[in-house]
C-alpha atoms as a PDB file:
ATOM      1  CA  UNK A   1      -0.289  -0.156   0.183  1.00  0.00           C
ATOM      2  CA  UNK A   2       1.167   3.239  -0.852  1.00  0.00           C
ATOM      3  CA  UNK A   3       1.695   5.223   2.133  1.00  0.00           C
ATOM      4  CA  UNK A   4       1.732   9.315   2.688  1.00  0.00           C
ATOM      5  CA  UNK A   5       5.437   9.963   3.366  1.00  0.00           C
ATOM      6  CA  UNK A   6       6.176   7.138  -0.069  1.00  0.00           C
ATOM      7  CA  UNK A   7       4.424   9.049  -1.779  1.00  0.00           C
ATOM      8  CA  UNK A   8       5.678  12.922  -1.188  1.00  0.00           C
ATOM      9  CA  UNK A   9       8.774  11.452  -1.790  1.00  0.00           C
ATOM     10  CA  UNK A  10       8.465   9.555  -4.654  1.00  0.00           C
ATOM     11  CA  UNK A  11       6.098  12.122  -6.020  1.00  0.00           C
ATOM     12  CA  UNK A  12       8.738  14.680  -5.385  1.00  0.00           C
ATOM     13  CA  UNK A  13      10.928  12.827  -7.973  1.00  0.00           C
ATOM     14  CA  UNK A  14       7.871  12.458 -10.133  1.00  0.00           C
ATOM     15  CA  UNK A  15       6.500  15.887 -10.172  1.00  0.00           C
ATOM     16  CA  UNK A  16      10.659  17.514 -10.845  1.00  0.00           C
ATOM     17  CA  UNK A  17      10.063  14.704 -14.030  1.00  0.00           C
ATOM     18  CA  UNK A  18       7.188  15.899 -15.260  1.00  0.00           C
ATOM     19  CA  UNK A  19       8.703  19.112 -15.491  1.00  0.00           C
ATOM     20  CA  UNK A  20      10.082  17.444 -18.889  1.00  0.00           C
ATOM     21  CA  UNK A  21       7.052  17.044 -20.284  1.00  0.00           C
ATOM     22  CA  UNK A  22       5.463  19.534 -22.620  1.00  0.00           C
ATOM     23  CA  UNK A  23       2.285  21.561 -21.244  1.00  0.00           C
ATOM     24  CA  UNK A  24      -0.090  22.977 -22.380  1.00  0.00           C
ATOM     25  CA  UNK A  25       0.415  25.896 -20.127  1.00  0.00           C
ATOM     26  CA  UNK A  26       1.443  28.406 -22.833  1.00  0.00           C
ATOM     27  CA  UNK A  27      -1.065  28.136 -24.635  1.00  0.00           C
ATOM     28  CA  UNK A  28      -2.888  31.793 -24.752  1.00  0.00           C
ATOM     29  CA  UNK A  29      -5.922  31.461 -22.913  1.00  0.00           C
ATOM     30  CA  UNK A  30      -8.670  33.491 -24.410  1.00  0.00           C
ATOM     31  CA  UNK A  31      -8.297  30.742 -27.051  1.00  0.00           C
ATOM     32  CA  UNK A  32      -9.019  28.142 -24.612  1.00  0.00           C
ATOM     33  CA  UNK A  33     -12.180  26.333 -22.989  1.00  0.00           C
ATOM     34  CA  UNK A  34     -12.241  24.279 -19.482  1.00  0.00           C
ATOM     35  CA  UNK A  35     -14.016  21.820 -18.161  1.00  0.00           C
ATOM     36  CA  UNK A  36     -14.713  20.806 -14.833  1.00  0.00           C
ATOM     37  CA  UNK A  37     -14.572  17.455 -14.638  1.00  0.00           C
ATOM     38  CA  UNK A  38     -17.111  16.823 -11.982  1.00  0.00           C
ATOM     39  CA  UNK A  39     -19.543  17.478 -14.351  1.00  0.00           C
ATOM     40  CA  UNK A  40     -18.247  14.120 -15.835  1.00  0.00           C
ATOM     41  CA  UNK A  41     -18.187  12.568 -12.420  1.00  0.00           C
ATOM     42  CA  UNK A  42     -20.800   9.454 -13.318  1.00  0.00           C
ATOM     43  CA  UNK A  43     -18.405   8.715 -16.425  1.00  0.00           C
ATOM     44  CA  UNK A  44     -14.980   9.144 -15.206  1.00  0.00           C
ATOM     45  CA  UNK A  45     -14.464   6.542 -12.275  1.00  0.00           C
ATOM     46  CA  UNK A  46     -16.179   3.754 -14.832  1.00  0.00           C
ATOM     47  CA  UNK A  47     -13.865   4.592 -17.857  1.00  0.00           C
ATOM     48  CA  UNK A  48     -11.441   7.438 -16.946  1.00  0.00           C
ATOM     49  CA  UNK A  49      -9.407   7.317 -20.535  1.00  0.00           C
ATOM     50  CA  UNK A  50     -12.435   7.150 -22.366  1.00  0.00           C
ATOM     51  CA  UNK A  51     -14.053   9.777 -20.851  1.00  0.00           C
ATOM     52  CA  UNK A  52     -10.716  12.101 -20.917  1.00  0.00           C
ATOM     53  CA  UNK A  53     -11.285  11.567 -25.331  1.00  0.00           C
ATOM     54  CA  UNK A  54     -14.388  12.883 -25.146  1.00  0.00           C
ATOM     55  CA  UNK A  55     -14.128  15.744 -23.304  1.00  0.00           C
ATOM     56  CA  UNK A  56     -10.946  16.300 -25.622  1.00  0.00           C
ATOM     57  CA  UNK A  57     -13.181  15.583 -28.434  1.00  0.00           C
ATOM     58  CA  UNK A  58     -15.573  17.585 -27.284  1.00  0.00           C
ATOM     59  CA  UNK A  59     -13.560  20.590 -27.861  1.00  0.00           C
ATOM     60  CA  UNK A  60     -12.341  21.520 -24.333  1.00  0.00           C
ATOM     61  CA  UNK A  61      -8.222  22.372 -23.807  1.00  0.00           C
ATOM     62  CA  UNK A  62      -7.990  22.568 -20.457  1.00  0.00           C
ATOM     63  CA  UNK A  63      -9.528  20.638 -17.718  1.00  0.00           C
ATOM     64  CA  UNK A  64     -10.183  21.399 -13.892  1.00  0.00           C
ATOM     65  CA  UNK A  65      -9.168  17.911 -11.533  1.00  0.00           C
ATOM     66  CA  UNK A  66     -11.378  17.220  -8.840  1.00  0.00           C
ATOM     67  CA  UNK A  67     -12.089  13.865  -7.063  1.00  0.00           C
ATOM     68  CA  UNK A  68      -8.046  13.283  -5.419  1.00  0.00           C
ATOM     69  CA  UNK A  69      -7.709  10.759  -2.815  1.00  0.00           C
ATOM     70  CA  UNK A  70      -4.349   9.302  -1.255  1.00  0.00           C
ATOM     71  CA  UNK A  71      -5.599   6.006  -1.724  1.00  0.00           C
ATOM     72  CA  UNK A  72      -7.380   5.999  -5.490  1.00  0.00           C
ATOM     73  CA  UNK A  73      -5.125   8.450  -6.762  1.00  0.00           C
ATOM     74  CA  UNK A  74      -7.134  10.450  -9.953  1.00  0.00           C
ATOM     75  CA  UNK A  75      -9.922   7.511 -10.555  1.00  0.00           C
ATOM     76  CA  UNK A  76      -7.501   4.620  -9.861  1.00  0.00           C
ATOM     77  CA  UNK A  77      -4.529   6.474 -11.754  1.00  0.00           C
ATOM     78  CA  UNK A  78      -1.764   8.538 -10.112  1.00  0.00           C
ATOM     79  CA  UNK A  79      -0.819  11.964 -11.000  1.00  0.00           C
ATOM     80  CA  UNK A  80       1.932  11.244 -13.419  1.00  0.00           C
ATOM     81  CA  UNK A  81       0.136   8.691 -15.424  1.00  0.00           C
ATOM     82  CA  UNK A  82      -2.897  10.586 -15.126  1.00  0.00           C
ATOM     83  CA  UNK A  83      -1.015  14.044 -16.766  1.00  0.00           C
ATOM     84  CA  UNK A  84       0.290  11.348 -19.374  1.00  0.00           C
ATOM     85  CA  UNK A  85      -3.725  10.864 -20.488  1.00  0.00           C
ATOM     86  CA  UNK A  86      -4.110  14.731 -20.264  1.00  0.00           C
ATOM     87  CA  UNK A  87      -1.224  14.946 -22.796  1.00  0.00           C
ATOM     88  CA  UNK A  88      -2.126  12.487 -25.062  1.00  0.00           C
ATOM     89  CA  UNK A  89      -4.989  14.091 -25.744  1.00  0.00           C
ATOM     90  CA  UNK A  90      -4.031  17.935 -26.260  1.00  0.00           C
ATOM     91  CA  UNK A  91      -5.484  18.692 -22.261  1.00  0.00           C
ATOM     92  CA  UNK A  92      -3.857  20.551 -19.666  1.00  0.00           C
ATOM     93  CA  UNK A  93      -5.207  20.790 -16.110  1.00  0.00           C
ATOM     94  CA  UNK A  94      -4.428  24.305 -14.714  1.00  0.00           C
ATOM     95  CA  UNK A  95      -6.418  23.905 -11.430  1.00  0.00           C
ATOM     96  CA  UNK A  96      -7.618  21.656  -9.621  1.00  0.00           C
ATOM     97  CA  UNK A  97     -10.238  21.009  -6.422  1.00  0.00           C
ATOM     98  CA  UNK A  98      -8.906  19.037  -3.695  1.00  0.00           C
ATOM     99  CA  UNK A  99     -11.293  18.538  -0.715  1.00  0.00           C
ATOM    100  CA  UNK A 100      -9.174  20.321   2.107  1.00  0.00           C
ATOM    101  CA  UNK A 101     -11.878  19.762   4.907  1.00  0.00           C
ATOM    102  CA  UNK A 102      -9.619  18.412   7.794  1.00  0.00           C
ATOM    103  CA  UNK A 103      -7.263  21.056   7.404  1.00  0.00           C
ATOM    104  CA  UNK A 104      -9.899  23.551   8.187  1.00  0.00           C
ATOM    105  CA  UNK A 105     -11.856  22.033  10.287  1.00  0.00           C
ATOM    106  CA  UNK A 106      -8.297  21.005  12.619  1.00  0.00           C
ATOM    107  CA  UNK A 107      -5.367  22.929  10.978  1.00  0.00           C
ATOM    108  CA  UNK A 108      -3.552  18.942   9.511  1.00  0.00           C
ATOM    109  CA  UNK A 109      -2.004  19.729   6.748  1.00  0.00           C
ATOM    110  CA  UNK A 110      -1.390  16.595   5.748  1.00  0.00           C
ATOM    111  CA  UNK A 111      -3.984  17.133   3.150  1.00  0.00           C
ATOM    112  CA  UNK A 112      -2.252  20.310   1.981  1.00  0.00           C
ATOM    113  CA  UNK A 113       0.858  18.965   1.597  1.00  0.00           C
ATOM    114  CA  UNK A 114      -0.685  15.395  -0.593  1.00  0.00           C
ATOM    115  CA  UNK A 115      -2.719  18.121  -2.637  1.00  0.00           C
ATOM    116  CA  UNK A 116       0.748  20.170  -3.426  1.00  0.00           C
ATOM    117  CA  UNK A 117       2.697  17.261  -4.415  1.00  0.00           C
ATOM    118  CA  UNK A 118      -0.667  16.063  -6.853  1.00  0.00           C
ATOM    119  CA  UNK A 119      -0.956  19.712  -8.465  1.00  0.00           C
ATOM    120  CA  UNK A 120       3.036  20.007  -8.821  1.00  0.00           C
ATOM    121  CA  UNK A 121       3.345  16.079 -10.618  1.00  0.00           C
ATOM    122  CA  UNK A 122       0.086  17.616 -12.655  1.00  0.00           C
ATOM    123  CA  UNK A 123       2.119  20.546 -13.590  1.00  0.00           C
ATOM    124  CA  UNK A 124      -0.911  22.727 -12.294  1.00  0.00           C
ATOM    125  CA  UNK A 125      -0.648  26.448 -11.320  1.00  0.00           C
ATOM    126  CA  UNK A 126      -3.537  26.342  -8.916  1.00  0.00           C
ATOM    127  CA  UNK A 127      -4.894  24.275  -5.778  1.00  0.00           C
ATOM    128  CA  UNK A 128      -8.519  25.375  -5.630  1.00  0.00           C
ATOM    129  CA  UNK A 129     -10.343  24.787  -2.661  1.00  0.00           C
ATOM    130  CA  UNK A 130     -14.484  23.768  -3.365  1.00  0.00           C
ATOM    131  CA  UNK A 131     -16.027  23.525   0.141  1.00  0.00           C
ATOM    132  CA  UNK A 132     -16.278  24.577   3.710  1.00  0.00           C
ATOM    133  CA  UNK A 133     -17.942  22.268   5.686  1.00  0.00           C
ATOM    134  CA  UNK A 134     -21.625  23.631   7.362  1.00  0.00           C
ATOM    135  CA  UNK A 135     -20.197  23.018  10.902  1.00  0.00           C
ATOM    136  CA  UNK A 136     -17.206  25.914  10.095  1.00  0.00           C
ATOM    137  CA  UNK A 137     -18.970  28.816   8.962  1.00  0.00           C
ATOM    138  CA  UNK A 138     -21.758  29.675  11.507  1.00  0.00           C
ATOM    139  CA  UNK A 139     -20.664  33.059  12.265  1.00  0.00           C
ATOM    140  CA  UNK A 140     -18.690  35.963  11.122  1.00  0.00           C
ATOM    141  CA  UNK A 141     -16.120  34.465  13.445  1.00  0.00           C
ATOM    142  CA  UNK A 142     -15.700  30.896  11.801  1.00  0.00           C
ATOM    143  CA  UNK A 143     -15.178  32.829   8.700  1.00  0.00           C
ATOM    144  CA  UNK A 144     -12.081  34.627  10.045  1.00  0.00           C
ATOM    145  CA  UNK A 145     -10.737  31.602  10.906  1.00  0.00           C
ATOM    146  CA  UNK A 146     -11.362  29.942   7.513  1.00  0.00           C
ATOM    147  CA  UNK A 147      -9.515  32.851   6.446  1.00  0.00           C
ATOM    148  CA  UNK A 148      -6.731  32.485   8.542  1.00  0.00           C
ATOM    149  CA  UNK A 149      -6.433  29.187   7.770  1.00  0.00           C
ATOM    150  CA  UNK A 150      -6.578  29.883   3.894  1.00  0.00           C
ATOM    151  CA  UNK A 151      -3.703  32.199   4.171  1.00  0.00           C
ATOM    152  CA  UNK A 152      -1.435  29.978   5.950  1.00  0.00           C
ATOM    153  CA  UNK A 153      -2.398  27.154   2.359  1.00  0.00           C
ATOM    154  CA  UNK A 154      -1.925  29.917   0.492  1.00  0.00           C
ATOM    155  CA  UNK A 155       1.826  30.261   1.946  1.00  0.00           C
ATOM    156  CA  UNK A 156       2.674  26.963   1.465  1.00  0.00           C
ATOM    157  CA  UNK A 157       1.353  26.639  -2.264  1.00  0.00           C
ATOM    158  CA  UNK A 158       4.178  29.469  -2.833  1.00  0.00           C
ATOM    159  CA  UNK A 159       6.382  28.351  -1.714  1.00  0.00           C
ATOM    160  CA  UNK A 160       6.157  25.085  -3.851  1.00  0.00           C
ATOM    161  CA  UNK A 161       5.763  27.460  -6.514  1.00  0.00           C
ATOM    162  CA  UNK A 162       1.447  27.264  -6.519  1.00  0.00           C
ATOM    163  CA  UNK A 163      -0.913  28.943  -6.243  1.00  0.00           C
ATOM    164  CA  UNK A 164      -4.251  28.495  -3.679  1.00  0.00           C
ATOM    165  CA  UNK A 165      -7.902  29.758  -5.040  1.00  0.00           C
ATOM    166  CA  UNK A 166     -11.372  29.540  -3.640  1.00  0.00           C
ATOM    167  CA  UNK A 167     -15.122  28.257  -4.921  1.00  0.00           C
ATOM    168  CA  UNK A 168     -17.840  29.729  -3.881  1.00  0.00           C
ATOM    169  CA  UNK A 169     -20.876  28.349  -3.932  1.00  0.00           C
ATOM    170  CA  UNK A 170     -23.691  30.303  -2.557  1.00  0.00           C
ATOM    171  CA  UNK A 171     -24.000  29.648   1.460  1.00  0.00           C
ATOM    172  CA  UNK A 172     -20.752  32.013   1.493  1.00  0.00           C
ATOM    173  CA  UNK A 173     -23.242  34.999   0.583  1.00  0.00           C
ATOM    174  CA  UNK A 174     -25.544  34.540   3.361  1.00  0.00           C
ATOM    175  CA  UNK A 175     -25.315  37.575   5.805  1.00  0.00           C
ATOM    176  CA  UNK A 176     -23.168  37.327   9.029  1.00  0.00           C
ATOM    177  CA  UNK A 177     -23.872  40.468  10.770  1.00  0.00           C
ATOM    178  CA  UNK A 178     -23.816  43.192   8.867  1.00  0.00           C
ATOM    179  CA  UNK A 179     -21.429  41.457   6.418  1.00  0.00           C
ATOM    180  CA  UNK A 180     -21.229  38.313   4.596  1.00  0.00           C
ATOM    181  CA  UNK A 181     -19.110  35.419   4.808  1.00  0.00           C
ATOM    182  CA  UNK A 182     -17.799  36.266   1.178  1.00  0.00           C
ATOM    183  CA  UNK A 183     -17.227  39.804   1.999  1.00  0.00           C
ATOM    184  CA  UNK A 184     -15.131  38.327   5.102  1.00  0.00           C
ATOM    185  CA  UNK A 185     -13.173  35.896   3.046  1.00  0.00           C
ATOM    186  CA  UNK A 186     -12.466  38.311   0.085  1.00  0.00           C
ATOM    187  CA  UNK A 187     -11.541  40.953   2.757  1.00  0.00           C
ATOM    188  CA  UNK A 188      -9.377  38.648   5.093  1.00  0.00           C
ATOM    189  CA  UNK A 189      -7.520  36.800   2.690  1.00  0.00           C
ATOM    190  CA  UNK A 190      -3.728  38.283   1.456  1.00  0.00           C
ATOM    191  CA  UNK A 191      -4.551  39.073  -1.906  1.00  0.00           C
ATOM    192  CA  UNK A 192      -0.456  37.736  -3.176  1.00  0.00           C
ATOM    193  CA  UNK A 193      -1.778  34.329  -1.500  1.00  0.00           C
ATOM    194  CA  UNK A 194      -5.023  33.645  -1.917  1.00  0.00           C
ATOM    195  CA  UNK A 195      -7.153  33.886  -5.342  1.00  0.00           C
ATOM    196  CA  UNK A 196     -11.187  33.214  -6.124  1.00  0.00           C
ATOM    197  CA  UNK A 197     -12.469  30.812  -8.681  1.00  0.00           C
ATOM    198  CA  UNK A 198     -16.233  32.862  -9.519  1.00  0.00           C
ATOM    199  CA  UNK A 199     -18.742  30.423 -10.008  1.00  0.00           C
ATOM    200  CA  UNK A 200     -20.873  33.071 -11.827  1.00  0.00           C
ATOM    201  CA  UNK A 201     -23.680  30.896 -11.188  1.00  0.00           C
ATOM    202  CA  UNK A 202     -24.130  30.233  -7.622  1.00  0.00           C
ATOM    203  CA  UNK A 203     -23.640  34.353  -7.766  1.00  0.00           C
ATOM    204  CA  UNK A 204     -26.584  35.069  -9.681  1.00  0.00           C
ATOM    205  CA  UNK A 205     -27.837  32.092  -7.322  1.00  0.00           C
ATOM    206  CA  UNK A 206     -27.375  33.962  -4.518  1.00  0.00           C
ATOM    207  CA  UNK A 207     -28.810  37.553  -5.829  1.00  0.00           C
ATOM    208  CA  UNK A 208     -25.600  39.332  -6.693  1.00  0.00           C
ATOM    209  CA  UNK A 209     -24.196  40.818 -10.061  1.00  0.00           C
ATOM    210  CA  UNK A 210     -20.198  39.269 -10.580  1.00  0.00           C
ATOM    211  CA  UNK A 211     -19.747  42.189 -12.921  1.00  0.00           C
ATOM    212  CA  UNK A 212     -19.944  44.758  -9.301  1.00  0.00           C
ATOM    213  CA  UNK A 213     -17.628  41.660  -7.733  1.00  0.00           C
ATOM    214  CA  UNK A 214     -14.489  42.707 -10.148  1.00  0.00           C
ATOM    215  CA  UNK A 215     -15.469  46.323 -10.075  1.00  0.00           C
ATOM    216  CA  UNK A 216     -15.369  46.265  -6.272  1.00  0.00           C
ATOM    217  CA  UNK A 217     -12.635  43.481  -6.066  1.00  0.00           C
ATOM    218  CA  UNK A 218     -10.337  44.218  -9.477  1.00  0.00           C
ATOM    219  CA  UNK A 219      -7.814  41.037  -9.739  1.00  0.00           C
ATOM    220  CA  UNK A 220      -9.085  38.703  -7.552  1.00  0.00           C
ATOM    221  CA  UNK A 221     -11.043  36.525  -9.748  1.00  0.00           C
ATOM    222  CA  UNK A 222      -8.451  34.965 -12.021  1.00  0.00           C
ATOM    223  CA  UNK A 223     -10.987  32.037 -12.305  1.00  0.00           C
ATOM    224  CA  UNK A 224     -14.775  31.363 -13.380  1.00  0.00           C
ATOM    225  CA  UNK A 225     -17.015  28.631 -13.304  1.00  0.00           C
ATOM    226  CA  UNK A 226     -18.954  28.844 -16.262  1.00  0.00           C
ATOM    227  CA  UNK A 227     -22.666  27.669 -16.119  1.00  0.00           C
ATOM    228  CA  UNK A 228     -25.887  28.615 -17.008  1.00  0.00           C
ATOM    229  CA  UNK A 229     -29.117  28.548 -14.661  1.00  0.00           C
ATOM    230  CA  UNK A 230     -32.272  26.888 -16.172  1.00  0.00           C
ATOM    231  CA  UNK A 231     -35.291  29.671 -17.060  1.00  0.00           C
ATOM    232  CA  UNK A 232     -38.223  27.276 -15.515  1.00  0.00           C
ATOM    233  CA  UNK A 233     -36.608  25.764 -12.423  1.00  0.00           C
ATOM    234  CA  UNK A 234     -33.369  28.117 -11.323  1.00  0.00           C
ATOM    235  CA  UNK A 235     -31.441  25.108  -9.298  1.00  0.00           C
ATOM    236  CA  UNK A 236     -31.178  23.613 -12.314  1.00  0.00           C
ATOM    237  CA  UNK A 237     -28.226  24.513 -14.678  1.00  0.00           C
ATOM    238  CA  UNK A 238     -28.450  23.868 -18.568  1.00  0.00           C
ATOM    239  CA  UNK A 239     -26.561  24.591 -21.465  1.00  0.00           C
ATOM    240  CA  UNK A 240     -24.374  27.821 -21.528  1.00  0.00           C
ATOM    241  CA  UNK A 241     -26.248  30.039 -23.780  1.00  0.00           C
ATOM    242  CA  UNK A 242     -29.756  28.571 -23.240  1.00  0.00           C
ATOM    243  CA  UNK A 243     -30.336  30.010 -19.628  1.00  0.00           C
ATOM    244  CA  UNK A 244     -31.252  33.122 -18.096  1.00  0.00           C
ATOM    245  CA  UNK A 245     -27.400  34.386 -17.421  1.00  0.00           C
ATOM    246  CA  UNK A 246     -26.426  36.747 -19.391  1.00  0.00           C
ATOM    247  CA  UNK A 247     -22.576  36.486 -20.126  1.00  0.00           C
ATOM    248  CA  UNK A 248     -22.022  38.839 -22.766  1.00  0.00           C
ATOM    249  CA  UNK A 249     -21.370  41.369 -20.482  1.00  0.00           C
ATOM    250  CA  UNK A 250     -19.633  39.175 -18.141  1.00  0.00           C
ATOM    251  CA  UNK A 251     -16.836  38.163 -20.306  1.00  0.00           C
ATOM    252  CA  UNK A 252     -16.722  41.710 -21.648  1.00  0.00           C
ATOM    253  CA  UNK A 253     -14.886  42.528 -17.756  1.00  0.00           C
ATOM    254  CA  UNK A 254     -12.651  40.041 -18.157  1.00  0.00           C
ATOM    255  CA  UNK A 255      -9.518  41.556 -17.135  1.00  0.00           C
ATOM    256  CA  UNK A 256     -11.126  43.381 -14.519  1.00  0.00           C
ATOM    257  CA  UNK A 257     -11.687  40.030 -12.997  1.00  0.00           C
ATOM    258  CA  UNK A 258      -8.563  39.474 -13.331  1.00  0.00           C
ATOM    259  CA  UNK A 259      -9.132  36.069 -15.280  1.00  0.00           C
ATOM    260  CA  UNK A 260      -7.301  33.545 -16.794  1.00  0.00           C
ATOM    261  CA  UNK A 261      -8.714  30.620 -16.333  1.00  0.00           C
ATOM    262  CA  UNK A 262     -12.449  29.634 -17.120  1.00  0.00           C
ATOM    263  CA  UNK A 263     -14.785  26.032 -17.095  1.00  0.00           C
ATOM    264  CA  UNK A 264     -17.882  24.881 -18.347  1.00  0.00           C
ATOM    265  CA  UNK A 265     -19.446  23.014 -15.170  1.00  0.00           C
ATOM    266  CA  UNK A 266     -22.228  21.088 -14.993  1.00  0.00           C
ATOM    267  CA  UNK A 267     -24.000  20.130 -11.868  1.00  0.00           C
ATOM    268  CA  UNK A 268     -27.101  19.316 -12.284  1.00  0.00           C
ATOM    269  CA  UNK A 269     -29.411  18.836 -14.741  1.00  0.00           C
ATOM    270  CA  UNK A 270     -28.244  16.860 -18.273  1.00  0.00           C
ATOM    271  CA  UNK A 271     -29.924  17.096 -21.094  1.00  0.00           C
ATOM    272  CA  UNK A 272     -29.748  15.725 -23.441  1.00  0.00           C
ATOM    273  CA  UNK A 273     -26.668  13.417 -22.127  1.00  0.00           C
ATOM    274  CA  UNK A 274     -23.498  15.046 -19.522  1.00  0.00           C
ATOM    275  CA  UNK A 275     -20.947  14.208 -22.286  1.00  0.00           C
ATOM    276  CA  UNK A 276     -23.525  16.198 -25.362  1.00  0.00           C
ATOM    277  CA  UNK A 277     -24.911  18.595 -22.645  1.00  0.00           C
ATOM    278  CA  UNK A 278     -21.152  20.214 -21.883  1.00  0.00           C
ATOM    279  CA  UNK A 279     -20.091  19.592 -25.907  1.00  0.00           C
ATOM    280  CA  UNK A 280     -23.132  22.407 -26.436  1.00  0.00           C
ATOM    281  CA  UNK A 281     -22.165  24.501 -23.637  1.00  0.00           C
ATOM    282  CA  UNK A 282     -18.228  24.033 -25.311  1.00  0.00           C
ATOM    283  CA  UNK A 283     -19.758  25.535 -29.113  1.00  0.00           C
ATOM    284  CA  UNK A 284     -21.944  28.348 -27.381  1.00  0.00           C
ATOM    285  CA  UNK A 285     -19.259  29.674 -25.816  1.00  0.00           C
ATOM    286  CA  UNK A 286     -16.734  29.114 -28.752  1.00  0.00           C
ATOM    287  CA  UNK A 287     -19.126  30.914 -31.262  1.00  0.00           C
ATOM    288  CA  UNK A 288     -20.588  33.465 -28.998  1.00  0.00           C
ATOM    289  CA  UNK A 289     -18.014  34.553 -25.885  1.00  0.00           C
ATOM    290  CA  UNK A 290     -14.714  34.204 -27.125  1.00  0.00           C
END
């Protein structure tokens, strides 16, 4: 069984070797469309190779990873093999969602260390925090404590040559007295250490304007999640361009946002099927938004 110590040791050597493999990071971001692989969470565990091939054929050239664990790696593939699979399909993973639940709850850095090694082996630029468990975000003080831990994680990522980002849902916009959890995270995290991946759907779902956030916090939203809102039922996603969110003015302010990468994501509502849905979203973005 692969122990954490052995994984870190072997990972360091593999990461160095991975730097020798040609990367797609140099491609201009304006021509890239990324996919958060969580959109295909039912397909990936069944057929990693075939699903990644479908992602490339759908028109994407970047992906955002998710689901890494020290036990199962990336659906049975270690980061070196997973990176090779991405390279073989002309895909690059500038970011990955890494569950840092234990770190954010207790401060134990084991998860963070493992995520850093995996991200380095993939040749990624960002480690992204995807979620906060409810028990650590009940009050304004809770959010301040989380921000402290995120700053520490940001420093550790910087030491490793990586960047840290935080991905929102809608709960962060709930009021905490006179402010909100999201406002606390923006105010209490170091701009030089912590970036934000703005999920445009969840911002709009929470009743806020992404462009207003850009103006108030220019340059902090270096990544986006792009998913549309179903016109009939706002709890559901829709293929980009078919829902109620007007993305054109948002994309027009990409420079103000600081956006370097964006990823299509479908969390809910698979019509006609997951691969067809993300393919349709990719096609619309290429034709109408970039």
